[in-house]
């Protein structure tokens, strides 16, 4: 009997010791997860700083107002390219798109990244983060990746045989913590839904009262198009509110960094596709109540690749040397200039470079013979203001602020004083008074050109319908073409699908 009691006592001690040994491991794992925040990166497509909190008139964005009042608003954030896929390529790697040879729109989709580079989601996954693409509640589920290197949305990544960027789609849960989610808000991108969004709005923006930029003509069709754009922004703001509501309902709001940006400039004249301020400057708001007090406004010059580096830093990961972005909240962060580049966009083979200090902007156009209004097929269908103003230009009815976009050539260099001329109406590049500023920014641009030399010259662009499609449309759909010239969006997808069928039958 004593032997039985002794064995039972001994077993009890052994089990107690084993359980004591395991307990700290479980606690340690939980503590590590709590120390690292969840991170949500929201990208609204194709918009400049056109929010109420940035002083944009005629639009209401209460959810982003609240986010800024509880977080930090950056006034001088810039993308590295004013077109979606090169800009997103830079952000996905944290490295300027020219350096990684991902700078040509919709190109090199079959080419693996140079082995020195990795998507930042790979770094997060290696550190234990669950990576999520999209959200179940937003328009079209927000799953866009659109990068110029070999990839697929979901799956593993080794950069050689596996090219997945994210772990899963649409939903974040407690079990996913710590998680990173990237959500694309497509509504602000030009699309066939713009009219429907406006029609369903409880308070559509009044075209008669909108405030147009001075470089746009005051025309009824342009006013309506601008009002529609603001309607999309208000819809998008509501989606931001839905994402915050989901975080709150799931008890995650306090331990989640939420970042809001635009992926490139607005989808209008001098916006998306151009190196003017409205093509490169983006909204950037960050919310993280554990670290940041509300209502702060910062004037630091920020490149979009710095946002990538900051996400890596939030996750407690050392920022790789190959990243050209730097963590914004590091005490040593001090970016003097943001470097922008414009290259291939659909059928238009362009090459321009730019730097901005927030106060000054410089643009070098290496192909000045290609006009701003290059009559690119995509823009023919998605820029009512271009159609209307092109006609007014031919009729001699545009003023000096509105004409430059429609001139037959571009200036070789552009220089703007953003403090005195935020709309970039006065090119100072040929003004002797600003020669020193011009030479400094010209030299800085050349330095960046050298620093960002591409790792290869591989060039595999994706074919687009291009200008032959427009000529076919003009001939086969005369009535719709006349409507287009009057500033009506007649529907790109409908006619491009018809054109593709026509080409297959040839």
Protein backbone atom coordinates (compact mmCIF):
# COMPACT_ATOMS: atom_id res chain seq x y z
CA UNK A 1 0.00 0.00 0.00
CA UNK A 2 2.84 2.35 0.91
CA UNK A 3 4.48 1.53 -2.44
CA UNK A 4 1.26 2.46 -4.31
CA UNK A 5 1.01 5.76 -2.39
CA UNK A 6 4.68 6.51 -3.10
CA UNK A 7 4.24 5.85 -6.83
CA UNK A 8 1.09 7.99 -6.91
CA UNK A 9 2.88 10.80 -5.03
CA UNK A 10 5.88 10.60 -7.37
CA UNK A 11 3.67 10.68 -10.47
CA UNK A 12 1.86 13.71 -9.06
CA UNK A 13 5.15 15.57 -8.60
CA UNK A 14 6.30 14.68 -12.12
CA UNK A 15 3.00 15.84 -13.67
CA UNK A 16 3.11 19.05 -11.67
CA UNK A 17 6.66 19.77 -12.82
CA UNK A 18 5.74 19.07 -16.45
CA UNK A 19 2.71 21.34 -16.30
CA UNK A 20 4.77 24.09 -14.69
CA UNK A 21 7.34 23.79 -17.45
CA UNK A 22 4.73 24.17 -20.23
CA UNK A 23 2.80 27.07 -18.74
CA UNK A 24 5.42 29.80 -19.29
CA UNK A 25 5.75 28.82 -22.98
CA UNK A 26 2.03 29.48 -23.56
CA UNK A 27 2.16 32.78 -21.72
CA UNK A 28 5.26 33.88 -23.64
CA UNK A 29 3.60 33.22 -27.01
CA UNK A 30 0.52 35.20 -26.05
CA UNK A 31 2.65 38.09 -24.82
CA UNK A 32 4.61 38.21 -28.10
CA UNK A 33 1.41 38.38 -30.11
CA UNK A 34 0.02 41.18 -27.94
CA UNK A 35 3.20 43.21 -28.33
CA UNK A 36 2.90 43.22 -32.13
CA UNK A 37 -0.02 45.19 -33.56
CA UNK A 38 -2.35 44.10 -36.28
CA UNK A 39 -1.92 46.30 -39.37
CA UNK A 40 -4.49 47.30 -41.98
CA UNK A 41 -3.37 49.19 -45.09
CA UNK A 42 -6.29 50.79 -46.93
CA UNK A 43 -5.61 52.06 -50.46
CA UNK A 44 -8.24 54.22 -52.13
CA UNK A 45 -7.66 54.09 -55.86
CA UNK A 46 -6.96 57.10 -58.06
CA UNK A 47 -7.36 60.07 -55.75
CA UNK A 48 -5.28 63.02 -54.65
CA UNK A 49 -5.70 64.82 -51.31
CA UNK A 50 -9.38 65.33 -52.17
CA UNK A 51 -10.78 64.84 -48.67
CA UNK A 52 -12.60 67.21 -46.37
CA UNK A 53 -9.81 66.89 -43.80
CA UNK A 54 -7.33 68.19 -46.41
CA UNK A 55 -9.56 71.19 -47.12
CA UNK A 56 -11.25 69.83 -50.25
CA UNK A 57 -14.50 71.78 -50.76
CA UNK A 58 -17.90 70.26 -51.61
CA UNK A 59 -17.18 66.78 -50.18
CA UNK A 60 -18.05 65.18 -46.81
CA UNK A 61 -15.69 62.54 -45.39
CA UNK A 62 -16.67 62.15 -41.70
CA UNK A 63 -14.97 58.79 -41.16
CA UNK A 64 -11.62 59.95 -42.48
CA UNK A 65 -12.05 63.20 -40.54
CA UNK A 66 -12.45 61.11 -37.39
CA UNK A 67 -9.47 58.91 -38.30
CA UNK A 68 -7.31 62.03 -38.69
CA UNK A 69 -8.60 63.56 -35.45
CA UNK A 70 -7.59 60.38 -33.62
CA UNK A 71 -4.36 59.84 -35.52
CA UNK A 72 -1.77 61.58 -37.69
CA UNK A 73 -2.34 63.33 -41.01
CA UNK A 74 0.63 63.75 -43.36
CA UNK A 75 0.49 66.69 -45.77
CA UNK A 76 3.51 65.88 -47.96
CA UNK A 77 3.18 62.22 -48.95
CA UNK A 78 4.01 61.23 -52.53
CA UNK A 79 3.84 58.07 -54.60
CA UNK A 80 6.85 57.08 -56.68
CA UNK A 81 4.81 56.77 -59.89
CA UNK A 82 1.42 58.32 -60.78
CA UNK A 83 0.11 55.07 -62.34
CA UNK A 84 -1.32 52.15 -60.38
CA UNK A 85 0.89 49.15 -61.19
CA UNK A 86 4.34 50.80 -60.94
CA UNK A 87 3.25 52.60 -57.77
CA UNK A 88 1.95 49.38 -56.22
CA UNK A 89 5.09 47.51 -57.28
CA UNK A 90 7.22 50.00 -55.35
CA UNK A 91 5.01 49.72 -52.28
CA UNK A 92 4.88 45.92 -52.39
CA UNK A 93 8.69 45.69 -52.26
CA UNK A 94 9.47 48.90 -50.37
CA UNK A 95 11.89 49.77 -53.18
CA UNK A 96 11.52 52.33 -55.96
CA UNK A 97 10.00 50.70 -59.03
CA UNK A 98 12.74 51.92 -61.38
CA UNK A 99 15.39 50.09 -59.34
CA UNK A 100 13.46 46.79 -59.41
CA UNK A 101 12.64 47.14 -63.14
CA UNK A 102 8.91 47.20 -62.41
CA UNK A 103 8.43 50.78 -63.65
CA UNK A 104 6.60 50.09 -66.91
CA UNK A 105 2.84 49.74 -66.49
CA UNK A 106 1.48 46.19 -66.84
CA UNK A 107 4.84 44.77 -67.83
CA UNK A 108 7.14 41.90 -66.75
CA UNK A 109 4.20 39.96 -65.30
CA UNK A 110 6.01 36.75 -66.32
CA UNK A 111 9.40 37.81 -64.88
CA UNK A 112 10.40 36.82 -61.30
CA UNK A 113 11.81 39.53 -59.09
CA UNK A 114 15.58 39.77 -58.86
CA UNK A 115 16.51 37.50 -55.95
CA UNK A 116 17.69 40.36 -53.73
CA UNK A 117 14.10 41.66 -53.47
CA UNK A 118 11.07 40.24 -51.63
CA UNK A 119 7.47 41.39 -51.23
CA UNK A 120 7.10 42.90 -47.77
CA UNK A 121 4.27 40.44 -47.10
CA UNK A 122 6.86 37.64 -47.26
CA UNK A 123 8.80 39.35 -44.46
CA UNK A 124 5.64 39.68 -42.40
CA UNK A 125 4.70 36.03 -42.92
CA UNK A 126 8.17 34.89 -41.87
CA UNK A 127 7.71 36.88 -38.66
CA UNK A 128 4.42 35.13 -37.85
CA UNK A 129 1.86 37.51 -39.35
CA UNK A 130 -1.21 36.23 -41.19
CA UNK A 131 -1.47 38.24 -44.43
CA UNK A 132 -4.93 38.98 -45.79
CA UNK A 133 -5.97 40.49 -49.13
CA UNK A 134 -9.25 42.37 -49.45
CA UNK A 135 -12.33 42.71 -47.31
CA UNK A 136 -15.69 41.00 -47.56
CA UNK A 137 -17.70 44.23 -47.12
CA UNK A 138 -16.22 46.66 -49.69
CA UNK A 139 -17.01 47.07 -53.39
CA UNK A 140 -15.58 44.17 -55.44
CA UNK A 141 -13.95 42.90 -52.19
CA UNK A 142 -10.83 45.06 -52.61
CA UNK A 143 -8.49 42.30 -53.79
CA UNK A 144 -6.35 44.20 -56.32
CA UNK A 145 -2.59 43.50 -56.35
CA UNK A 146 -1.53 44.71 -59.85
CA UNK A 147 2.26 44.50 -59.64
CA UNK A 148 4.85 44.34 -62.41
CA UNK A 149 6.62 41.11 -61.51
CA UNK A 150 5.63 37.48 -61.43
CA UNK A 151 3.10 36.91 -58.67
CA UNK A 152 -0.29 35.54 -57.72
CA UNK A 153 -2.61 36.87 -55.01
CA UNK A 154 -2.71 33.85 -52.67
CA UNK A 155 -0.08 31.22 -51.93
CA UNK A 156 3.44 30.67 -50.69
CA UNK A 157 6.41 32.73 -51.86
CA UNK A 158 9.96 31.65 -52.52
CA UNK A 159 10.51 33.86 -55.58
CA UNK A 160 11.59 30.92 -57.74
CA UNK A 161 8.73 28.43 -58.03
CA UNK A 162 6.14 29.96 -55.69
CA UNK A 163 4.88 33.52 -56.09
CA UNK A 164 1.97 34.02 -53.68
CA UNK A 165 1.69 37.42 -52.00
CA UNK A 166 -0.93 36.75 -49.29
CA UNK A 167 -2.21 33.89 -47.13
CA UNK A 168 -5.97 34.34 -47.47
CA UNK A 169 -8.81 36.56 -48.68
CA UNK A 170 -11.23 39.01 -47.12
CA UNK A 171 -11.67 38.28 -43.39
CA UNK A 172 -9.60 38.94 -40.28
CA UNK A 173 -10.30 37.08 -37.04
CA UNK A 174 -8.79 36.79 -33.56
CA UNK A 175 -7.18 33.54 -34.66
CA UNK A 176 -5.28 35.43 -37.38
CA UNK A 177 -3.53 37.76 -34.91
CA UNK A 178 -1.13 39.28 -35.47
CA UNK A 179 -2.45 39.97 -38.97
CA UNK A 180 -1.73 42.31 -41.83
CA UNK A 181 -4.58 43.16 -44.22
CA UNK A 182 -4.36 45.15 -47.43
CA UNK A 183 -7.70 46.46 -48.67
CA UNK A 184 -8.22 48.25 -52.00
CA UNK A 185 -11.17 50.66 -52.25
CA UNK A 186 -11.95 50.55 -55.96
CA UNK A 187 -14.94 52.90 -56.04
CA UNK A 188 -12.81 56.02 -56.69
CA UNK A 189 -11.22 54.34 -59.74
CA UNK A 190 -13.02 55.14 -62.99
CA UNK A 191 -15.62 52.48 -63.63
CA UNK A 192 -19.09 51.77 -64.94
CA UNK A 193 -20.45 52.05 -61.37
CA UNK A 194 -19.98 55.84 -61.07
CA UNK A 195 -23.49 56.69 -62.29
CA UNK A 196 -25.09 54.05 -60.07
CA UNK A 197 -23.24 55.30 -56.97
CA UNK A 198 -24.45 58.82 -57.72
CA UNK A 199 -28.02 57.71 -58.34
CA UNK A 200 -28.17 55.83 -55.05
CA UNK A 201 -26.55 58.60 -53.00
CA UNK A 202 -28.88 60.18 -50.42
CA UNK A 203 -27.11 63.52 -50.97
CA UNK A 204 -25.38 63.65 -54.39
CA UNK A 205 -22.94 66.53 -54.82
CA UNK A 206 -24.45 69.48 -56.68
CA UNK A 207 -22.51 70.12 -59.93
CA UNK A 208 -23.57 73.79 -59.89
CA UNK A 209 -21.75 74.52 -56.65
CA UNK A 210 -18.51 72.51 -57.01
CA UNK A 211 -15.16 74.30 -57.02
CA UNK A 212 -13.07 73.28 -60.03
CA UNK A 213 -9.26 73.58 -60.18
CA UNK A 214 -8.26 76.66 -62.21
CA UNK A 215 -6.66 74.52 -64.94
CA UNK A 216 -10.04 72.95 -65.76
CA UNK A 217 -12.66 74.67 -67.92
CA UNK A 218 -15.94 75.70 -66.33
CA UNK A 219 -18.30 73.54 -68.38
CA UNK A 220 -21.50 71.74 -67.35
CA UNK A 221 -20.19 68.31 -68.38
CA UNK A 222 -16.94 68.85 -66.44
CA UNK A 223 -18.85 70.05 -63.37
CA UNK A 224 -21.04 66.93 -63.45
CA UNK A 225 -18.00 64.68 -63.83
CA UNK A 226 -16.30 66.39 -60.87
CA UNK A 227 -19.45 66.00 -58.76
CA UNK A 228 -19.53 62.28 -59.62
CA UNK A 229 -15.92 61.95 -58.48
CA UNK A 230 -16.79 63.52 -55.13
CA UNK A 231 -19.77 61.14 -54.83
CA UNK A 232 -17.34 58.22 -55.15
CA UNK A 233 -15.14 59.71 -52.41
CA UNK A 234 -18.12 59.93 -50.06
CA UNK A 235 -19.00 56.29 -50.80
CA UNK A 236 -15.37 55.35 -50.14
CA UNK A 237 -15.39 57.22 -46.83
CA UNK A 238 -18.37 55.12 -45.76
CA UNK A 239 -16.36 51.96 -46.55
CA UNK A 240 -13.57 53.21 -44.27
CA UNK A 241 -16.20 53.60 -41.54
CA UNK A 242 -17.35 50.00 -42.11
CA UNK A 243 -13.79 48.69 -41.68
CA UNK A 244 -13.40 50.57 -38.39
CA UNK A 245 -16.80 49.27 -37.22
CA UNK A 246 -15.66 45.71 -37.91
CA UNK A 247 -12.49 46.29 -35.89
CA UNK A 248 -14.50 47.66 -32.98
CA UNK A 249 -17.07 44.84 -33.11
CA UNK A 250 -14.24 42.29 -32.98
CA UNK A 251 -12.45 44.08 -30.13
CA UNK A 252 -9.35 44.82 -32.25
CA UNK A 253 -9.45 48.59 -32.71
CA UNK A 254 -7.00 49.48 -29.93
CA UNK A 255 -4.27 47.10 -31.10
CA UNK A 256 -4.50 47.72 -34.84
CA UNK A 257 -2.50 50.19 -36.90
CA UNK A 258 -4.76 51.53 -39.67
CA UNK A 259 -3.11 53.29 -42.62
CA UNK A 260 -5.10 55.13 -45.28
CA UNK A 261 -3.59 56.36 -48.57
CA UNK A 262 -4.37 56.88 -52.24
CA UNK A 263 -2.48 54.58 -54.62
CA UNK A 264 -1.83 57.42 -57.12
CA UNK A 265 -3.32 60.74 -58.17
CA UNK A 266 -6.89 61.51 -59.15
CA UNK A 267 -8.39 60.21 -62.38
CA UNK A 268 -8.59 63.51 -64.20
CA UNK A 269 -6.52 66.12 -66.05
CA UNK A 270 -3.00 66.41 -64.57
CA UNK A 271 -3.76 63.62 -62.11
CA UNK A 272 -3.20 59.92 -62.64
CA UNK A 273 -0.41 59.35 -65.14
CA UNK A 274 1.27 62.75 -64.74
CA UNK A 275 4.08 64.01 -62.52
CA UNK A 276 2.30 67.19 -61.52
CA UNK A 277 1.43 67.47 -57.84
CA UNK A 278 -2.08 66.04 -58.28
CA UNK A 279 -0.57 62.91 -59.86
CA UNK A 280 1.98 62.26 -57.11
CA UNK A 281 0.67 63.79 -53.87
CA UNK A 282 -1.61 61.43 -51.96
CA UNK A 283 -3.62 61.47 -48.73
CA UNK A 284 -1.85 59.64 -45.90
CA UNK A 285 -3.49 59.19 -42.50
CA UNK A 286 -2.36 56.76 -39.81
CA UNK A 287 -4.29 55.65 -36.73
CA UNK A 288 -2.80 53.75 -33.82
CA UNK A 289 -4.15 54.87 -30.43
CA UNK A 290 -1.52 52.93 -28.46
CA UNK A 291 1.29 55.01 -29.93
CA UNK A 292 -0.06 58.25 -31.42
CA UNK A 293 -2.08 61.05 -29.92
CA UNK A 294 -4.91 62.34 -32.07
CA UNK A 295 -5.02 65.36 -34.32
CA UNK A 296 -1.32 65.59 -35.18
CA UNK A 297 -0.39 67.05 -38.58
CA UNK A 298 3.05 66.37 -40.00
CA UNK A 299 4.79 68.11 -42.88
CA UNK A 300 7.57 65.55 -43.38
CA UNK A 301 8.27 64.66 -47.02
CA UNK A 302 7.22 61.00 -47.26
CA UNK A 303 7.66 58.59 -50.16
CA UNK A 304 5.18 55.71 -50.46
CA UNK A 305 8.04 53.26 -50.00
CA UNK A 306 8.57 54.80 -46.54
CA UNK A 307 5.09 53.58 -45.63
CA UNK A 308 6.14 50.02 -46.51
CA UNK A 309 9.27 50.33 -44.38
CA UNK A 310 7.17 51.70 -41.51
CA UNK A 311 4.87 48.67 -41.63
CA UNK A 312 7.89 46.38 -41.37
CA UNK A 313 9.09 48.49 -38.45
CA UNK A 314 5.70 48.31 -36.68
CA UNK A 315 5.95 44.52 -36.92
CA UNK A 316 9.33 44.56 -35.18
CA UNK A 317 11.23 43.44 -38.31
CA UNK A 318 14.56 44.92 -39.31
CA UNK A 319 14.16 46.88 -42.54
CA UNK A 320 16.21 45.22 -45.33
CA UNK A 321 19.00 47.21 -46.97
CA UNK A 322 17.44 46.79 -50.43
CA UNK A 323 14.45 48.91 -49.42
CA UNK A 324 14.69 52.52 -50.56
CA UNK A 325 11.97 53.36 -48.05
CA UNK A 326 12.82 54.29 -44.44
CA UNK A 327 10.68 53.95 -41.28
CA UNK A 328 8.89 57.25 -40.78
CA UNK A 329 8.74 57.00 -36.99
CA UNK A 330 12.44 56.37 -36.55
CA UNK A 331 14.00 59.36 -34.79
CA UNK A 332 16.55 59.66 -37.63
CA UNK A 333 13.94 59.84 -40.40
CA UNK A 334 14.52 62.90 -42.56
CA UNK A 335 13.62 62.76 -46.24
CA UNK A 336 14.47 65.91 -48.15
CA UNK A 337 13.05 64.84 -51.52
CA UNK A 338 10.59 62.36 -52.99
CA UNK A 339 11.57 60.94 -56.40
CA UNK A 340 8.88 60.27 -58.98
CA UNK A 341 9.05 58.56 -62.37
CA UNK A 342 6.67 58.09 -65.27
CA UNK A 343 7.33 55.48 -67.94
CA UNK A 344 5.13 53.23 -70.12
CA UNK A 345 1.38 53.65 -69.67
CA UNK A 346 -0.60 51.40 -72.00
CA UNK A 347 0.44 52.30 -75.56
CA UNK A 348 2.21 55.56 -74.60
CA UNK A 349 5.97 55.04 -74.15
CA UNK A 350 6.82 57.99 -71.98
CA UNK A 351 9.83 58.88 -69.84
CA UNK A 352 9.76 61.66 -67.26
CA UNK A 353 11.38 62.12 -63.85
CA UNK A 354 10.57 64.39 -60.91
CA UNK A 355 11.60 65.44 -57.43
CA UNK A 356 9.64 67.37 -54.84
CA UNK A 357 10.61 68.82 -51.51
CA UNK A 358 7.06 69.64 -50.58
CA UNK A 359 7.83 73.32 -51.23
CA UNK A 360 9.36 72.95 -54.70
CA UNK A 361 8.57 70.56 -57.53
CA UNK A 362 10.77 69.81 -60.54
CA UNK A 363 9.88 67.70 -63.59
CA UNK A 364 12.21 66.62 -66.39
CA UNK A 365 10.46 65.46 -69.56
CA UNK A 366 12.84 63.32 -71.59
CA UNK A 367 10.28 62.99 -74.40
CA UNK A 368 8.89 66.51 -74.75
CA UNK A 369 7.62 65.64 -78.22
CA UNK A 370 4.92 63.45 -76.64
CA UNK A 371 2.12 65.82 -75.58
CA UNK A 372 0.29 65.54 -72.27
CA UNK A 373 -2.85 64.87 -74.29
CA UNK A 374 -1.42 61.88 -76.14
CA UNK A 375 -4.93 60.57 -76.99
CA UNK A 376 -4.34 57.31 -75.14
CA UNK A 377 -7.26 54.93 -75.64
CA UNK A 378 -7.97 54.40 -71.93
CA UNK A 379 -8.16 58.15 -71.31
CA UNK A 380 -10.37 58.76 -74.35
CA UNK A 381 -13.09 56.78 -72.59
CA UNK A 382 -12.39 57.82 -69.00
CA UNK A 383 -11.65 61.57 -69.14
CA UNK A 384 -14.76 63.58 -70.04
CA UNK A 385 -12.89 66.81 -69.20
CA UNK A 386 -10.23 65.97 -71.80
CA UNK A 387 -12.85 65.51 -74.50
CA UNK A 388 -14.58 68.80 -73.70
CA UNK A 389 -11.40 70.85 -73.22
CA UNK A 390 -9.78 69.46 -76.35
CA UNK A 391 -12.67 70.92 -78.33
CA UNK A 392 -12.47 74.23 -76.45
CA UNK A 393 -8.72 74.36 -77.12
CA UNK A 394 -9.31 73.99 -80.86
CA UNK A 395 -11.93 76.73 -80.65
CA UNK A 396 -9.49 79.04 -78.82
CA UNK A 397 -11.67 79.17 -75.73
CA UNK A 398 -9.20 77.97 -73.06
CA UNK A 399 -7.33 80.48 -70.91
CA UNK A 400 -3.59 80.49 -70.24
CA UNK A 401 -3.97 78.26 -67.17
CA UNK A 402 -5.93 75.64 -69.13
CA UNK A 403 -4.05 75.51 -72.44
CA UNK A 404 -0.74 73.80 -71.50
CA UNK A 405 -2.25 70.31 -71.19
CA UNK A 406 -3.38 70.46 -74.84
CA UNK A 407 -0.30 71.98 -76.44
CA UNK A 408 1.42 69.78 -79.11
CA UNK A 409 4.57 69.38 -76.99
CA UNK A 410 5.64 69.47 -73.34
CA UNK A 411 8.36 71.67 -71.84
CA UNK A 412 11.68 69.91 -71.34
CA UNK A 413 11.77 71.07 -67.72
CA UNK A 414 9.20 72.32 -65.24
CA UNK A 415 9.76 74.09 -61.92
CA UNK A 416 7.02 75.11 -59.51
CA UNK A 417 6.98 76.99 -56.22
CA UNK A 418 4.33 74.98 -54.37
CA UNK A 419 4.02 77.45 -51.51
CA UNK A 420 3.07 80.32 -53.78
CA UNK A 421 1.62 78.30 -56.66
CA UNK A 422 0.02 75.07 -55.32
CA UNK A 423 -1.85 74.50 -58.59
CA UNK A 424 1.42 74.63 -60.58
CA UNK A 425 0.18 77.24 -63.01
CA UNK A 426 3.49 79.07 -63.48
CA UNK A 427 6.48 77.15 -64.82
CA UNK A 428 9.59 78.90 -63.50
CA UNK A 429 12.13 76.70 -65.31
CA UNK A 430 13.10 79.45 -67.76
CA UNK A 431 13.04 82.24 -65.16
CA UNK A 432 16.61 83.35 -64.42
CA UNK A 433 15.57 84.39 -60.92
CA UNK A 434 15.19 80.70 -60.00
CA UNK A 435 18.26 79.37 -61.78
CA UNK A 436 19.91 78.16 -58.54
CA UNK A 437 16.79 76.24 -57.47
CA UNK A 438 16.46 74.71 -60.94
CA UNK A 439 20.08 73.57 -61.01
CA UNK A 440 19.85 72.08 -57.52
CA UNK A 441 16.72 70.05 -58.30
CA UNK A 442 18.01 69.04 -61.72
CA UNK A 443 21.19 67.68 -60.08
CA UNK A 444 19.17 65.92 -57.37
CA UNK A 445 17.06 64.21 -60.04
CA UNK A 446 20.18 62.97 -61.80
CA UNK A 447 21.47 61.60 -58.48
CA UNK A 448 18.25 59.65 -58.02
CA UNK A 449 18.44 58.39 -61.62
CA UNK A 450 21.83 56.90 -60.85
CA UNK A 451 20.81 55.51 -57.44
CA UNK A 452 17.74 53.82 -58.92
CA UNK A 453 19.44 52.28 -61.97
CA UNK A 454 17.31 49.23 -62.93
CA UNK A 455 18.68 45.81 -61.99
CA UNK A 456 17.86 44.58 -65.52
CA UNK A 457 16.54 45.82 -68.86
CA UNK A 458 13.96 43.05 -69.35
CA UNK A 459 10.89 44.56 -71.00
CA UNK A 460 7.74 42.45 -71.49
CA UNK A 461 4.78 44.83 -71.76
CA UNK A 462 1.23 43.49 -71.87
CA UNK A 463 -0.55 44.28 -75.14
CA UNK A 464 -3.47 46.73 -74.95
CA UNK A 465 -6.15 47.60 -77.54
CA UNK A 466 -4.65 51.10 -77.86
CA UNK A 467 -5.44 53.74 -80.42
CA UNK A 468 -6.58 51.32 -83.17
CA UNK A 469 -9.47 50.51 -80.81
CA UNK A 470 -10.44 54.20 -80.65
CA UNK A 471 -10.38 54.51 -84.45
CA UNK A 472 -12.60 51.41 -84.73
CA UNK A 473 -14.97 52.88 -82.13
CA UNK A 474 -15.20 56.20 -83.99
CA UNK A 475 -16.12 54.39 -87.20
CA UNK A 476 -18.47 51.71 -85.84
CA UNK A 477 -20.25 53.72 -83.11
CA UNK A 478 -20.64 57.23 -84.50
CA UNK A 479 -23.47 58.25 -82.16
CA UNK A 480 -21.68 57.06 -79.02
CA UNK A 481 -18.50 58.78 -80.21
CA UNK A 482 -20.34 62.10 -80.54
CA UNK A 483 -21.66 61.65 -76.99
CA UNK A 484 -18.10 60.96 -75.81
CA UNK A 485 -16.85 64.18 -77.41
CA UNK A 486 -19.58 66.04 -75.51
CA UNK A 487 -18.25 64.73 -72.19
CA UNK A 488 -20.39 61.64 -71.65
CA UNK A 489 -18.77 58.45 -70.34
CA UNK A 490 -20.23 55.92 -72.77
CA UNK A 491 -18.72 52.78 -71.19
CA UNK A 492 -15.22 51.47 -71.81
CA UNK A 493 -15.77 47.81 -70.95
CA UNK A 494 -18.78 47.42 -73.21
CA UNK A 495 -16.97 48.65 -76.33
CA UNK A 496 -13.59 47.12 -75.54
CA UNK A 497 -15.28 43.69 -75.23
CA UNK A 498 -16.95 44.22 -78.59
CA UNK A 499 -13.62 45.27 -80.12
CA UNK A 500 -11.89 42.15 -78.82
CA UNK A 501 -14.58 39.98 -80.44
CA UNK A 502 -14.15 41.94 -83.67
CA UNK A 503 -10.37 41.36 -83.62
CA UNK A 504 -10.82 37.62 -82.99
CA UNK A 505 -13.08 37.37 -86.02
CA UNK A 506 -10.64 39.06 -88.37
